[in-house]
């Protein structure tokens, strides 16, 4: 554990210089540890905020069962999903993912989520919603970032599901008879 030594006979100026160096190093280490603890605390708080942005339960849709599961690969992620009620018969279904992980992805996703909620009101087609979001994102995101997004508009009165997929993994639609399809086109 020795990091330095002073030989006899010592020079007081060299001794004091060595002590100042080592005390300064200890101070820097303590400060570094304090910053690490503070950063860990901020990450925990950000994780809690992110969990609060995602729905604990998605909106119930009469006549449908919607199932979601979310398990981020790290403390913070760029994942987003939601079911947005437009009115009593129309619902928007959102699934998105930001490229990357951690704080940058979580910040982009919280911004994207706000954009989705202000854009997807149920009167626009899924293609129009995706187009508006894409225009905004292209003007604000750096070129090495992107968001995949699936948006569907479910109209229970007309019994239609219209959707647009902006390079997200195709969701699965399971029918009552047990058959299922991937929503690819």
N, C-alpha and C. Protein backbone atom coordinates (compact mmCIF):
# COMPACT_ATOMS: atom_id res chain seq x y z
N UNK A 1 0.79 -1.20 0.00
CA UNK A 1 0.00 0.00 0.00
C UNK A 1 0.83 1.26 0.00
N UNK A 2 2.14 1.11 -0.05
CA UNK A 2 2.99 2.30 -0.03
C UNK A 2 2.99 2.92 -1.41
N UNK A 3 2.84 4.24 -1.45
CA UNK A 3 2.87 4.91 -2.75
C UNK A 3 4.05 5.86 -2.89
N UNK A 4 4.76 6.10 -1.79
CA UNK A 4 5.91 6.99 -1.83
C UNK A 4 6.72 6.77 -0.55
N UNK A 5 7.93 7.23 -0.54
CA UNK A 5 8.73 7.17 0.69
C UNK A 5 9.72 8.32 0.68
N UNK A 6 10.15 8.67 1.86
CA UNK A 6 11.12 9.75 2.04
C UNK A 6 12.35 9.14 2.72
N UNK A 7 13.54 9.37 2.16
CA UNK A 7 14.76 8.83 2.75
C UNK A 7 15.38 9.82 3.74
N UNK A 8 16.03 9.24 4.73
CA UNK A 8 16.74 10.07 5.70
C UNK A 8 18.10 10.46 5.14
N UNK A 9 18.60 11.50 5.44
CA UNK A 9 17.96 12.68 6.03
C UNK A 9 17.06 13.32 4.97
N UNK A 10 15.89 13.77 5.40
CA UNK A 10 14.96 14.34 4.42
C UNK A 10 15.04 15.84 4.37
N UNK A 11 14.54 16.31 3.29
CA UNK A 11 14.45 17.75 3.05
C UNK A 11 12.99 18.13 3.34
N UNK A 12 12.77 19.07 4.24
CA UNK A 12 11.42 19.45 4.63
C UNK A 12 10.57 19.91 3.43
N UNK A 13 11.18 20.62 2.52
CA UNK A 13 10.43 21.11 1.35
C UNK A 13 9.94 19.93 0.50
N UNK A 14 10.82 18.90 0.31
CA UNK A 14 10.42 17.71 -0.45
C UNK A 14 9.34 16.92 0.29
N UNK A 15 9.46 16.84 1.62
CA UNK A 15 8.47 16.14 2.44
C UNK A 15 7.11 16.82 2.32
N UNK A 16 7.08 18.12 2.47
CA UNK A 16 5.82 18.86 2.36
C UNK A 16 5.22 18.75 0.96
N UNK A 17 6.06 18.79 -0.06
CA UNK A 17 5.58 18.65 -1.44
C UNK A 17 4.95 17.27 -1.65
N UNK A 18 5.60 16.22 -1.13
CA UNK A 18 5.06 14.86 -1.26
C UNK A 18 3.73 14.74 -0.52
N UNK A 19 3.65 15.31 0.68
CA UNK A 19 2.40 15.27 1.45
C UNK A 19 1.28 16.00 0.71
N UNK A 20 1.59 17.17 0.18
CA UNK A 20 0.57 17.92 -0.58
C UNK A 20 0.08 17.10 -1.77
N UNK A 21 0.99 16.47 -2.48
CA UNK A 21 0.63 15.65 -3.64
C UNK A 21 -0.32 14.53 -3.23
N UNK A 22 0.04 13.80 -2.17
CA UNK A 22 -0.77 12.66 -1.75
C UNK A 22 -2.10 13.08 -1.15
N UNK A 23 -2.10 14.16 -0.39
CA UNK A 23 -3.37 14.66 0.16
C UNK A 23 -4.28 15.14 -0.97
N UNK A 24 -3.68 15.79 -1.96
CA UNK A 24 -4.47 16.24 -3.12
C UNK A 24 -5.07 15.06 -3.87
N UNK A 25 -4.25 14.00 -4.02
CA UNK A 25 -4.74 12.80 -4.70
C UNK A 25 -5.89 12.17 -3.93
N UNK A 26 -5.78 12.10 -2.61
CA UNK A 26 -6.86 11.54 -1.78
C UNK A 26 -8.12 12.39 -1.92
N UNK A 27 -7.95 13.71 -1.93
CA UNK A 27 -9.08 14.62 -2.09
C UNK A 27 -9.76 14.39 -3.44
N UNK A 28 -8.96 14.23 -4.50
CA UNK A 28 -9.52 13.97 -5.84
C UNK A 28 -10.27 12.64 -5.87
N UNK A 29 -9.72 11.61 -5.21
CA UNK A 29 -10.40 10.31 -5.15
C UNK A 29 -11.73 10.41 -4.41
N UNK A 30 -11.74 11.13 -3.28
CA UNK A 30 -12.99 11.31 -2.53
C UNK A 30 -14.02 12.04 -3.38
N UNK A 31 -13.56 13.08 -4.07
CA UNK A 31 -14.46 13.85 -4.93
C UNK A 31 -14.99 12.99 -6.07
N UNK A 32 -14.13 12.18 -6.64
CA UNK A 32 -14.53 11.28 -7.71
C UNK A 32 -15.57 10.28 -7.22
N UNK A 33 -15.35 9.71 -6.04
CA UNK A 33 -16.32 8.77 -5.46
C UNK A 33 -17.65 9.46 -5.19
N UNK A 34 -17.58 10.71 -4.68
CA UNK A 34 -18.81 11.47 -4.41
C UNK A 34 -19.60 11.69 -5.69
N UNK A 35 -18.88 12.03 -6.79
CA UNK A 35 -19.55 12.24 -8.08
C UNK A 35 -20.16 10.94 -8.59
N UNK A 36 -19.47 9.82 -8.40
CA UNK A 36 -20.01 8.53 -8.83
C UNK A 36 -21.29 8.18 -8.09
N UNK A 37 -21.31 8.42 -6.78
CA UNK A 37 -22.50 8.16 -5.98
C UNK A 37 -23.64 9.07 -6.43
N UNK A 38 -23.31 10.33 -6.66
CA UNK A 38 -24.32 11.30 -7.13
C UNK A 38 -24.88 10.87 -8.48
N UNK A 39 -24.00 10.44 -9.39
CA UNK A 39 -24.45 10.00 -10.72
C UNK A 39 -25.33 8.76 -10.60
N UNK A 40 -24.96 7.82 -9.76
CA UNK A 40 -25.78 6.62 -9.56
C UNK A 40 -27.16 7.00 -9.04
N UNK A 41 -27.21 7.96 -8.14
CA UNK A 41 -28.48 8.42 -7.60
C UNK A 41 -29.33 9.08 -8.70
N UNK A 42 -28.69 9.87 -9.56
CA UNK A 42 -29.41 10.52 -10.66
C UNK A 42 -29.94 9.48 -11.65
N UNK A 43 -29.16 8.43 -11.91
CA UNK A 43 -29.62 7.36 -12.81
C UNK A 43 -30.82 6.66 -12.21
N UNK A 44 -30.79 6.40 -10.90
CA UNK A 44 -31.94 5.78 -10.23
C UNK A 44 -33.17 6.65 -10.36
N UNK A 45 -33.01 7.95 -10.16
CA UNK A 45 -34.14 8.87 -10.30
C UNK A 45 -34.64 8.91 -11.74
N UNK A 46 -33.74 8.93 -12.71
CA UNK A 46 -34.13 8.94 -14.12
C UNK A 46 -34.88 7.66 -14.48
N UNK A 47 -34.42 6.54 -13.93
CA UNK A 47 -35.09 5.25 -14.16
C UNK A 47 -36.53 5.30 -13.62
N UNK A 48 -36.69 5.89 -12.46
CA UNK A 48 -38.03 6.03 -11.87
C UNK A 48 -38.92 6.93 -12.73
N UNK A 49 -38.36 8.03 -13.23
CA UNK A 49 -39.11 8.93 -14.10
C UNK A 49 -39.52 8.19 -15.37
N UNK A 50 -38.58 7.43 -15.95
CA UNK A 50 -38.89 6.72 -17.18
C UNK A 50 -39.99 5.69 -16.96
N UNK A 51 -39.93 4.96 -15.86
CA UNK A 51 -41.00 4.00 -15.55
C UNK A 51 -42.34 4.71 -15.44
N UNK A 52 -42.32 5.94 -14.91
CA UNK A 52 -43.55 6.71 -14.78
C UNK A 52 -44.10 7.19 -16.10
N UNK A 53 -43.24 7.35 -17.11
CA UNK A 53 -43.71 7.79 -18.43
C UNK A 53 -44.41 6.67 -19.19
N UNK A 54 -44.03 5.44 -18.91
CA UNK A 54 -44.67 4.31 -19.57
C UNK A 54 -45.94 3.94 -18.80
N UNK A 55 -46.99 3.53 -19.50
CA UNK A 55 -48.23 3.21 -18.80
C UNK A 55 -48.08 1.96 -17.93
N UNK A 56 -48.62 2.03 -16.73
CA UNK A 56 -48.64 0.84 -15.87
C UNK A 56 -49.66 -0.16 -16.41
N UNK A 57 -50.73 0.37 -16.96
CA UNK A 57 -51.74 -0.43 -17.64
C UNK A 57 -52.11 0.32 -18.91
N UNK A 58 -52.23 -0.39 -20.01
CA UNK A 58 -52.66 0.28 -21.24
C UNK A 58 -54.18 0.45 -21.18
N UNK A 59 -54.68 1.42 -21.94
CA UNK A 59 -56.12 1.67 -21.97
C UNK A 59 -56.86 0.41 -22.41
N UNK A 60 -57.98 0.15 -21.80
CA UNK A 60 -58.75 -1.03 -22.20
C UNK A 60 -59.55 -0.68 -23.46
N UNK A 61 -59.59 -1.63 -24.36
CA UNK A 61 -60.29 -1.47 -25.62
C UNK A 61 -61.43 -2.49 -25.63
N UNK A 62 -62.68 -2.04 -25.63
CA UNK A 62 -63.80 -2.98 -25.62
C UNK A 62 -63.73 -3.96 -26.80
N UNK A 63 -63.81 -5.23 -26.49
CA UNK A 63 -63.77 -6.26 -27.54
C UNK A 63 -62.37 -6.71 -27.92
N UNK A 64 -61.34 -6.16 -27.29
CA UNK A 64 -59.95 -6.53 -27.62
C UNK A 64 -59.18 -6.80 -26.33
N UNK A 65 -58.17 -7.60 -26.48
CA UNK A 65 -57.21 -7.80 -25.40
C UNK A 65 -55.85 -7.37 -25.92
N UNK A 66 -55.27 -6.41 -25.26
CA UNK A 66 -53.96 -5.92 -25.67
C UNK A 66 -52.97 -6.29 -24.58
N UNK A 67 -51.91 -6.97 -24.97
CA UNK A 67 -50.90 -7.41 -24.00
C UNK A 67 -49.58 -6.73 -24.32
N UNK A 68 -48.90 -6.25 -23.29
CA UNK A 68 -47.59 -5.64 -23.45
C UNK A 68 -46.65 -6.20 -22.40
N UNK A 69 -45.38 -6.18 -22.73
CA UNK A 69 -44.35 -6.59 -21.79
C UNK A 69 -43.15 -5.70 -22.05
N UNK A 70 -42.52 -5.24 -20.97
CA UNK A 70 -41.38 -4.35 -21.11
C UNK A 70 -40.30 -4.77 -20.15
N UNK A 71 -39.14 -5.05 -20.69
CA UNK A 71 -37.99 -5.40 -19.86
C UNK A 71 -36.76 -4.75 -20.50
N UNK A 72 -36.36 -3.58 -19.97
CA UNK A 72 -35.21 -2.89 -20.57
C UNK A 72 -33.92 -3.66 -20.33
N UNK A 73 -32.98 -3.52 -21.26
CA UNK A 73 -31.71 -4.23 -21.13
C UNK A 73 -30.75 -3.53 -20.19
N UNK A 74 -31.04 -2.27 -19.86
CA UNK A 74 -30.20 -1.55 -18.88
C UNK A 74 -31.11 -0.65 -18.06
N UNK A 75 -30.53 0.10 -17.14
CA UNK A 75 -31.34 0.94 -16.25
C UNK A 75 -32.22 1.91 -17.03
N UNK A 76 -31.69 2.51 -18.08
CA UNK A 76 -32.44 3.44 -18.91
C UNK A 76 -32.46 2.94 -20.34
N UNK A 77 -33.57 3.15 -21.00
CA UNK A 77 -33.66 2.66 -22.37
C UNK A 77 -34.45 3.65 -23.22
N UNK A 78 -34.52 3.36 -24.50
CA UNK A 78 -35.27 4.17 -25.45
C UNK A 78 -36.55 3.49 -25.88
N UNK A 79 -37.18 2.73 -25.00
CA UNK A 79 -38.40 2.01 -25.34
C UNK A 79 -39.64 2.86 -25.05
N UNK A 80 -40.68 2.66 -25.86
CA UNK A 80 -41.95 3.35 -25.65
C UNK A 80 -43.08 2.49 -26.19
N UNK A 81 -44.16 2.44 -25.44
CA UNK A 81 -45.40 1.82 -25.92
C UNK A 81 -46.56 2.50 -25.22
N UNK A 82 -47.70 2.49 -25.86
CA UNK A 82 -48.88 3.08 -25.24
C UNK A 82 -50.11 2.76 -26.08
N UNK A 83 -51.26 2.87 -25.46
CA UNK A 83 -52.55 2.83 -26.15
C UNK A 83 -53.22 4.15 -25.82
N UNK A 84 -53.46 4.95 -26.85
CA UNK A 84 -54.02 6.29 -26.67
C UNK A 84 -55.49 6.28 -27.05
N UNK A 85 -56.35 6.67 -26.14
CA UNK A 85 -57.80 6.72 -26.41
C UNK A 85 -58.11 8.04 -27.11
N UNK A 86 -58.60 7.95 -28.35
CA UNK A 86 -59.00 9.16 -29.09
C UNK A 86 -60.42 9.56 -28.71
N UNK A 87 -61.30 8.58 -28.70
CA UNK A 87 -62.68 8.78 -28.25
C UNK A 87 -63.18 7.41 -27.79
N UNK A 88 -64.47 7.22 -27.68
CA UNK A 88 -64.98 5.96 -27.13
C UNK A 88 -64.81 4.77 -28.07
N UNK A 89 -64.52 5.03 -29.36
CA UNK A 89 -64.40 3.91 -30.30
C UNK A 89 -63.07 3.83 -31.02
N UNK A 90 -62.23 4.87 -30.90
CA UNK A 90 -60.95 4.88 -31.63
C UNK A 90 -59.78 4.94 -30.66
N UNK A 91 -58.75 4.14 -30.97
CA UNK A 91 -57.58 4.01 -30.12
C UNK A 91 -56.32 4.02 -30.97
N UNK A 92 -55.31 4.71 -30.50
CA UNK A 92 -54.01 4.68 -31.16
C UNK A 92 -53.10 3.71 -30.41
N UNK A 93 -52.40 2.87 -31.15
CA UNK A 93 -51.48 1.90 -30.55
C UNK A 93 -50.08 2.28 -30.99
N UNK A 94 -49.19 2.52 -30.02
CA UNK A 94 -47.84 3.02 -30.30
C UNK A 94 -46.79 2.04 -29.76
N UNK A 95 -45.78 1.78 -30.57
CA UNK A 95 -44.61 1.02 -30.14
C UNK A 95 -43.41 1.69 -30.79
N UNK A 96 -42.39 2.01 -29.99
CA UNK A 96 -41.22 2.69 -30.56
C UNK A 96 -39.96 2.28 -29.81
N UNK A 97 -38.82 2.51 -30.46
CA UNK A 97 -37.53 2.21 -29.85
C UNK A 97 -36.48 3.14 -30.45
N UNK A 98 -35.69 3.75 -29.58
CA UNK A 98 -34.59 4.61 -30.02
C UNK A 98 -33.34 3.76 -30.14
N UNK A 99 -32.55 4.01 -31.17
CA UNK A 99 -31.27 3.31 -31.30
C UNK A 99 -30.39 3.72 -30.12
N UNK A 100 -29.72 2.75 -29.54
CA UNK A 100 -28.84 3.03 -28.42
C UNK A 100 -29.51 2.74 -27.09
N UNK A 101 -28.77 3.03 -26.04
CA UNK A 101 -29.23 2.73 -24.69
C UNK A 101 -28.87 3.90 -23.77
N UNK A 102 -29.30 3.80 -22.55
CA UNK A 102 -28.89 4.75 -21.52
C UNK A 102 -29.56 6.09 -21.60
N UNK A 103 -28.90 7.08 -21.02
CA UNK A 103 -29.45 8.42 -20.89
C UNK A 103 -29.81 9.05 -22.24
N UNK A 104 -28.94 9.01 -23.26
CA UNK A 104 -29.31 9.64 -24.53
C UNK A 104 -30.59 9.04 -25.13
N UNK A 105 -30.70 7.73 -25.11
CA UNK A 105 -31.90 7.07 -25.67
C UNK A 105 -33.14 7.43 -24.85
N UNK A 106 -33.02 7.46 -23.54
CA UNK A 106 -34.16 7.80 -22.68
C UNK A 106 -34.61 9.24 -22.91
N UNK A 107 -33.66 10.16 -23.09
CA UNK A 107 -34.02 11.56 -23.34
C UNK A 107 -34.74 11.70 -24.68
N UNK A 108 -34.21 11.06 -25.71
CA UNK A 108 -34.87 11.12 -27.01
C UNK A 108 -36.28 10.53 -26.94
N UNK A 109 -36.43 9.42 -26.23
CA UNK A 109 -37.73 8.78 -26.17
C UNK A 109 -38.74 9.62 -25.41
N UNK A 110 -38.33 10.27 -24.33
CA UNK A 110 -39.29 11.10 -23.60
C UNK A 110 -39.77 12.25 -24.48
N UNK A 111 -38.87 12.80 -25.29
CA UNK A 111 -39.24 13.85 -26.23
C UNK A 111 -40.17 13.30 -27.31
N UNK A 112 -39.85 12.13 -27.83
CA UNK A 112 -40.67 11.50 -28.87
C UNK A 112 -42.07 11.18 -28.34
N UNK A 113 -42.13 10.68 -27.13
CA UNK A 113 -43.42 10.34 -26.51
C UNK A 113 -44.32 11.59 -26.45
N UNK A 114 -43.74 12.71 -26.06
CA UNK A 114 -44.52 13.95 -26.00
C UNK A 114 -45.00 14.35 -27.40
N UNK A 115 -44.13 14.16 -28.40
CA UNK A 115 -44.53 14.48 -29.78
C UNK A 115 -45.67 13.58 -30.24
N UNK A 116 -45.59 12.29 -29.91
CA UNK A 116 -46.65 11.36 -30.32
C UNK A 116 -47.97 11.79 -29.69
N UNK A 117 -47.97 12.07 -28.41
CA UNK A 117 -49.22 12.42 -27.72
C UNK A 117 -49.82 13.72 -28.26
N UNK A 118 -48.99 14.63 -28.73
CA UNK A 118 -49.54 15.87 -29.28
C UNK A 118 -49.92 15.73 -30.76
N UNK A 119 -49.40 14.72 -31.44
CA UNK A 119 -49.66 14.55 -32.87
C UNK A 119 -50.77 13.54 -33.15
N UNK A 120 -50.78 12.43 -32.43
CA UNK A 120 -51.72 11.34 -32.71
C UNK A 120 -53.03 11.58 -31.96
N UNK A 121 -53.94 12.29 -32.62
CA UNK A 121 -55.21 12.62 -31.98
C UNK A 121 -56.36 11.71 -32.43
N UNK A 122 -56.11 10.86 -33.39
CA UNK A 122 -57.14 9.94 -33.86
C UNK A 122 -57.83 10.37 -35.13
N UNK A 123 -57.66 11.62 -35.55
CA UNK A 123 -58.30 12.06 -36.79
C UNK A 123 -57.37 11.91 -37.99
N UNK A 124 -56.05 11.84 -37.74
CA UNK A 124 -55.09 11.68 -38.83
C UNK A 124 -54.84 10.19 -39.10
N UNK A 125 -54.48 9.88 -40.33
CA UNK A 125 -54.14 8.50 -40.65
C UNK A 125 -52.79 8.16 -40.01
N UNK A 126 -52.52 6.88 -39.79
CA UNK A 126 -51.21 6.50 -39.25
C UNK A 126 -50.05 7.02 -40.10
N UNK A 127 -50.22 7.01 -41.42
CA UNK A 127 -49.17 7.52 -42.30
C UNK A 127 -48.92 9.00 -42.08
N UNK A 128 -49.99 9.79 -41.87
CA UNK A 128 -49.83 11.22 -41.61
C UNK A 128 -49.13 11.45 -40.27
N UNK A 129 -49.49 10.67 -39.27
CA UNK A 129 -48.85 10.80 -37.96
C UNK A 129 -47.36 10.51 -38.08
N UNK A 130 -47.01 9.41 -38.73
CA UNK A 130 -45.59 9.06 -38.90
C UNK A 130 -44.85 10.11 -39.71
N UNK A 131 -45.50 10.64 -40.74
CA UNK A 131 -44.87 11.68 -41.57
C UNK A 131 -44.56 12.93 -40.78
N UNK A 132 -45.50 13.37 -39.96
CA UNK A 132 -45.27 14.56 -39.13
C UNK A 132 -44.14 14.33 -38.13
N UNK A 133 -44.18 13.18 -37.48
CA UNK A 133 -43.13 12.87 -36.50
C UNK A 133 -41.77 12.80 -37.18
N UNK A 134 -41.71 12.17 -38.35
CA UNK A 134 -40.46 12.06 -39.08
C UNK A 134 -39.91 13.42 -39.47
N UNK A 135 -40.78 14.31 -39.94
CA UNK A 135 -40.33 15.66 -40.32
C UNK A 135 -39.72 16.39 -39.14
N UNK A 136 -40.39 16.29 -38.00
CA UNK A 136 -39.87 16.97 -36.81
C UNK A 136 -38.54 16.35 -36.39
N UNK A 137 -38.47 15.02 -36.34
CA UNK A 137 -37.24 14.35 -35.88
C UNK A 137 -36.06 14.62 -36.80
N UNK A 138 -36.30 14.64 -38.10
CA UNK A 138 -35.21 14.89 -39.04
C UNK A 138 -34.60 16.27 -38.83
N UNK A 139 -35.38 17.20 -38.32
CA UNK A 139 -34.88 18.54 -38.07
C UNK A 139 -34.22 18.72 -36.72
N UNK A 140 -34.36 17.72 -35.83
CA UNK A 140 -33.85 17.92 -34.48
C UNK A 140 -32.83 16.88 -34.02
N UNK A 141 -32.83 15.68 -34.61
CA UNK A 141 -31.93 14.61 -34.14
C UNK A 141 -30.63 14.62 -34.92
N UNK A 142 -29.58 14.16 -34.27
CA UNK A 142 -28.30 14.02 -34.97
C UNK A 142 -28.40 12.87 -35.97
N UNK A 143 -27.55 12.88 -36.97
CA UNK A 143 -27.66 11.92 -38.07
C UNK A 143 -27.35 10.48 -37.66
N UNK A 144 -26.70 10.27 -36.54
CA UNK A 144 -26.37 8.90 -36.14
C UNK A 144 -27.43 8.29 -35.22
N UNK A 145 -28.55 8.97 -35.04
CA UNK A 145 -29.64 8.46 -34.20
C UNK A 145 -30.88 8.22 -35.05
N UNK A 146 -31.69 7.26 -34.63
CA UNK A 146 -32.98 7.07 -35.29
C UNK A 146 -33.93 6.38 -34.33
N UNK A 147 -35.21 6.45 -34.65
CA UNK A 147 -36.26 5.84 -33.85
C UNK A 147 -37.10 4.97 -34.77
N UNK A 148 -37.31 3.72 -34.38
CA UNK A 148 -38.26 2.88 -35.11
C UNK A 148 -39.61 3.08 -34.43
N UNK A 149 -40.69 3.03 -35.24
CA UNK A 149 -42.00 3.37 -34.69
C UNK A 149 -43.09 2.60 -35.43
N UNK A 150 -44.00 2.04 -34.67
CA UNK A 150 -45.22 1.41 -35.20
C UNK A 150 -46.39 2.17 -34.60
N UNK A 151 -47.29 2.63 -35.48
CA UNK A 151 -48.49 3.32 -35.01
C UNK A 151 -49.70 2.76 -35.73
N UNK A 152 -50.69 2.36 -34.95
CA UNK A 152 -51.93 1.83 -35.51
C UNK A 152 -53.11 2.62 -34.97
N UNK A 153 -54.12 2.75 -35.80
CA UNK A 153 -55.36 3.38 -35.39
C UNK A 153 -56.44 2.30 -35.45
N UNK A 154 -56.96 1.95 -34.29
CA UNK A 154 -57.98 0.91 -34.17
C UNK A 154 -59.33 1.60 -34.01
N UNK A 155 -60.22 1.33 -34.96
CA UNK A 155 -61.58 1.90 -34.91
C UNK A 155 -62.55 0.77 -34.64
N UNK A 156 -63.04 0.71 -33.42
CA UNK A 156 -63.93 -0.40 -33.03
C UNK A 156 -65.31 -0.28 -33.66
N UNK A 157 -65.75 0.93 -33.98
CA UNK A 157 -67.05 1.12 -34.62
C UNK A 157 -67.03 0.58 -36.04
N UNK A 158 -65.97 0.92 -36.79
CA UNK A 158 -65.83 0.44 -38.17
C UNK A 158 -65.18 -0.93 -38.25
N UNK A 159 -64.61 -1.39 -37.12
CA UNK A 159 -63.89 -2.66 -37.03
C UNK A 159 -62.72 -2.70 -38.01
N UNK A 160 -61.92 -1.60 -37.97
CA UNK A 160 -60.75 -1.51 -38.85
C UNK A 160 -59.50 -1.25 -38.01
N UNK A 161 -58.39 -1.70 -38.55
CA UNK A 161 -57.08 -1.42 -37.97
C UNK A 161 -56.21 -0.91 -39.11
N UNK A 162 -55.87 0.37 -39.06
CA UNK A 162 -54.98 0.97 -40.06
C UNK A 162 -53.67 1.27 -39.34
N UNK A 163 -52.56 1.01 -40.01
CA UNK A 163 -51.28 1.22 -39.33
C UNK A 163 -50.19 1.62 -40.30
N UNK A 164 -49.14 2.18 -39.71
CA UNK A 164 -47.92 2.50 -40.45
C UNK A 164 -46.75 1.99 -39.61
N UNK A 165 -45.77 1.44 -40.30
CA UNK A 165 -44.62 0.90 -39.60
C UNK A 165 -43.36 1.58 -40.13
N UNK A 166 -42.72 2.34 -39.26
CA UNK A 166 -41.49 3.04 -39.63
C UNK A 166 -40.30 2.20 -39.14
N UNK A 167 -40.09 1.08 -39.81
CA UNK A 167 -38.96 0.16 -39.60
C UNK A 167 -38.91 -0.53 -38.23
N UNK A 168 -40.04 -0.55 -37.52
CA UNK A 168 -40.07 -1.27 -36.25
C UNK A 168 -40.33 -2.76 -36.53
N UNK A 169 -39.95 -3.62 -35.57
CA UNK A 169 -40.26 -5.05 -35.72
C UNK A 169 -41.78 -5.19 -35.86
N UNK A 170 -42.24 -5.98 -36.82
CA UNK A 170 -43.68 -6.09 -37.03
C UNK A 170 -44.40 -6.71 -35.82
N UNK A 171 -45.40 -5.99 -35.27
CA UNK A 171 -46.19 -6.56 -34.18
C UNK A 171 -47.01 -7.75 -34.67
N UNK A 172 -47.54 -8.50 -33.73
CA UNK A 172 -48.34 -9.68 -34.06
C UNK A 172 -49.79 -9.41 -33.71
N UNK A 173 -50.67 -9.67 -34.67
CA UNK A 173 -52.11 -9.58 -34.46
C UNK A 173 -52.63 -11.00 -34.32
N UNK A 174 -53.15 -11.33 -33.14
CA UNK A 174 -53.71 -12.67 -32.90
C UNK A 174 -55.23 -12.57 -32.99
N UNK A 175 -55.81 -13.46 -33.77
CA UNK A 175 -57.26 -13.45 -33.96
C UNK A 175 -57.93 -14.41 -32.99
N UNK A 176 -59.24 -14.22 -32.82
CA UNK A 176 -60.00 -15.05 -31.89
C UNK A 176 -59.92 -16.54 -32.22
N UNK A 177 -59.83 -16.86 -33.52
CA UNK A 177 -59.81 -18.26 -33.93
C UNK A 177 -58.45 -18.93 -33.71
N UNK A 178 -57.50 -18.18 -33.15
CA UNK A 178 -56.17 -18.72 -32.88
C UNK A 178 -55.14 -18.42 -33.96
N UNK A 179 -55.59 -17.96 -35.11
CA UNK A 179 -54.64 -17.61 -36.16
C UNK A 179 -53.99 -16.27 -35.82
N UNK A 180 -52.85 -16.01 -36.44
CA UNK A 180 -52.15 -14.76 -36.18
C UNK A 180 -51.41 -14.33 -37.43
N UNK A 181 -51.13 -13.03 -37.48
CA UNK A 181 -50.36 -12.48 -38.60
C UNK A 181 -49.41 -11.42 -38.05
N UNK A 182 -48.28 -11.28 -38.73
CA UNK A 182 -47.37 -10.18 -38.43
C UNK A 182 -47.80 -9.00 -39.28
N UNK A 183 -47.86 -7.85 -38.67
CA UNK A 183 -48.30 -6.64 -39.38
C UNK A 183 -47.10 -6.03 -40.08
N UNK A 184 -46.79 -6.59 -41.27
CA UNK A 184 -45.57 -6.19 -41.99
C UNK A 184 -45.82 -5.15 -43.07
N UNK A 185 -46.96 -5.16 -43.70
CA UNK A 185 -47.20 -4.24 -44.83
C UNK A 185 -48.36 -3.32 -44.55
